[in-house]
Protein backbone atom coordinates (compact mmCIF):
# COMPACT_ATOMS: atom_id res chain seq x y z
CA UNK A 1 11.43 -2.86 42.67
CA UNK A 2 14.08 -0.42 41.43
CA UNK A 3 15.19 -2.91 38.80
CA UNK A 4 11.65 -3.22 37.41
CA UNK A 5 11.25 0.57 37.28
CA UNK A 6 14.63 0.98 35.60
CA UNK A 7 13.79 -1.73 33.09
CA UNK A 8 10.42 -0.10 32.33
CA UNK A 9 12.10 3.27 31.71
CA UNK A 10 14.69 1.60 29.45
CA UNK A 11 12.03 -0.18 27.40
CA UNK A 12 9.94 3.00 27.10
CA UNK A 13 13.01 5.00 26.06
CA UNK A 14 14.02 2.49 23.39
CA UNK A 15 10.46 2.29 22.08
CA UNK A 16 10.23 6.10 21.96
CA UNK A 17 13.59 6.38 20.26
CA UNK A 18 12.61 3.89 17.55
CA UNK A 19 9.27 5.67 17.08
CA UNK A 20 10.96 9.08 16.80
CA UNK A 21 13.43 7.77 14.23
CA UNK A 22 10.86 5.96 12.09
CA UNK A 23 8.05 8.54 12.09
CA UNK A 24 7.65 10.77 9.04
CA UNK A 25 9.09 14.23 9.64
CA UNK A 26 5.80 15.87 8.69
CA UNK A 27 4.25 14.35 11.84
CA UNK A 28 6.91 15.73 14.24
CA UNK A 29 5.82 18.81 16.16
CA UNK A 30 7.51 21.78 17.86
CA UNK A 31 11.21 20.97 17.29
CA UNK A 32 13.21 19.13 14.64
CA UNK A 33 13.21 15.34 14.52
CA UNK A 34 16.95 15.14 15.34
CA UNK A 35 16.40 17.32 18.41
CA UNK A 36 13.69 14.94 19.64
CA UNK A 37 16.00 11.94 19.19
CA UNK A 38 18.78 13.68 21.12
CA UNK A 39 16.35 14.73 23.86
CA UNK A 40 15.16 11.13 24.26
CA UNK A 41 18.74 9.85 24.37
CA UNK A 42 20.21 12.40 26.79
CA UNK A 43 17.19 12.86 29.09
CA UNK A 44 15.45 9.46 28.83
CA UNK A 45 12.45 9.78 31.15
CA UNK A 46 11.66 13.44 30.44
CA UNK A 47 12.38 13.08 26.72
CA UNK A 48 10.14 10.02 26.46
CA UNK A 49 7.25 11.71 28.25
CA UNK A 50 7.61 14.87 26.17
CA UNK A 51 7.81 12.87 22.93
CA UNK A 52 4.53 11.05 23.57
CA UNK A 53 2.70 14.14 24.86
CA UNK A 54 4.02 16.94 22.66
CA UNK A 55 6.42 15.67 20.03
CA UNK A 56 4.39 13.64 17.60
CA UNK A 57 1.21 13.97 15.66
CA UNK A 58 -0.83 10.79 16.00
CA UNK A 59 -2.83 11.00 12.78
CA UNK A 60 -1.43 12.22 9.50
CA UNK A 61 -2.84 15.43 8.13
CA UNK A 62 -5.35 14.95 5.36
CA UNK A 63 -3.62 15.24 1.99
CA UNK A 64 -6.58 16.81 0.19
CA UNK A 65 -9.93 18.35 0.84
CA UNK A 66 -13.19 16.58 0.17
CA UNK A 67 -15.02 17.84 -2.87
CA UNK A 68 -18.79 18.07 -2.56
CA UNK A 69 -20.68 17.33 -5.75
CA UNK A 70 -23.69 19.53 -6.46
CA UNK A 71 -27.07 17.95 -5.91
CA UNK A 72 -28.81 16.93 -9.11
CA UNK A 73 -32.57 17.11 -8.67
CA UNK A 74 -33.34 15.31 -11.91
CA UNK A 75 -32.31 11.82 -12.97
CA UNK A 76 -31.63 12.75 -16.57
CA UNK A 77 -28.28 11.59 -17.98
CA UNK A 78 -25.28 13.88 -18.12
CA UNK A 79 -24.62 15.78 -21.31
CA UNK A 80 -21.39 15.30 -23.24
CA UNK A 81 -20.18 18.74 -22.09
CA UNK A 82 -20.82 17.83 -18.44
CA UNK A 83 -18.95 14.54 -18.83
CA UNK A 84 -16.03 16.32 -20.54
CA UNK A 85 -15.91 18.93 -17.76
CA UNK A 86 -15.98 16.24 -15.07
CA UNK A 87 -13.16 14.29 -16.75
CA UNK A 88 -11.05 17.46 -17.14
CA UNK A 89 -11.60 18.34 -13.48
CA UNK A 90 -10.54 14.84 -12.42
CA UNK A 91 -7.40 14.96 -14.60
CA UNK A 92 -6.50 18.38 -13.19
CA UNK A 93 -6.99 17.14 -9.63
CA UNK A 94 -4.71 14.14 -10.21
CA UNK A 95 -2.06 16.31 -11.88
CA UNK A 96 -2.16 18.73 -8.95
CA UNK A 97 -1.82 15.91 -6.42
CA UNK A 98 1.14 14.45 -8.35
CA UNK A 99 2.77 17.90 -8.45
CA UNK A 100 2.26 18.33 -4.69
CA UNK A 101 3.82 14.91 -4.01
CA UNK A 102 6.78 15.78 -6.26
CA UNK A 103 7.29 19.15 -4.54
CA UNK A 104 7.06 17.54 -1.09
CA UNK A 105 9.66 14.96 -2.16
CA UNK A 106 11.96 17.71 -3.47
CA UNK A 107 11.54 19.65 -0.21
CA UNK A 108 12.45 16.57 1.83
CA UNK A 109 15.51 16.04 -0.40
CA UNK A 110 16.56 19.65 0.13
CA UNK A 111 16.22 19.24 3.90
CA UNK A 112 18.41 16.15 3.68
CA UNK A 113 15.97 13.55 4.96
């Protein structure tokens, strides 16, 4: 019985350790990713339980907000100015998202990840 329990703790610890190492740092909560790995290694049962209950975020944060388009009561076609404005807004949104991704990448590089 003790062997089965010990084996279960070992498997859970290894699984938690691999998960903590592979997860993106933006999904790690409360303390730094390295601290979680060390906690899991040095205090296996407690570290594993804390990792799965407090240490990780299960779903990634949404990267952008949802834009709601205004309701168009009529079915008349868009004017050239409306099309141009919509295209410009879309280009600006994509440029902003690319800039955010670049800044996030630079921040990760500065942190040494």
